[in-house]
């Protein structure tokens, strides 16, 4: 069975009707669309859309700061793993570790 593709205009019309009637299942039946599909469209319109201005110097500074912090954490974790591997080798010399 092929998946139906609906136009954005059709989706907006359905969502508007659901808002007016308050009954998604009724609107879905009227237009011969799955109620789950209609619920999905409604959910997508309600989800918050975050837009980030990547040209904003403040945003760039914040992202760079977070990036440096994450690099530091990653380096610490790598060092911790290396130390634990060395310790494991010393306590279990017969154990092969990558």
Foldseek 3Di string as FASTA:
>chain_A
DDDDDDDPVVLVVLLVVCVVVVDLVVSCVVVVHDSVVNVVSNVVVPDDDDDDDPVDPVVVVVVVVVVVVVVVVVVVVVVVVVVVVVVVCVVPVVDDDD
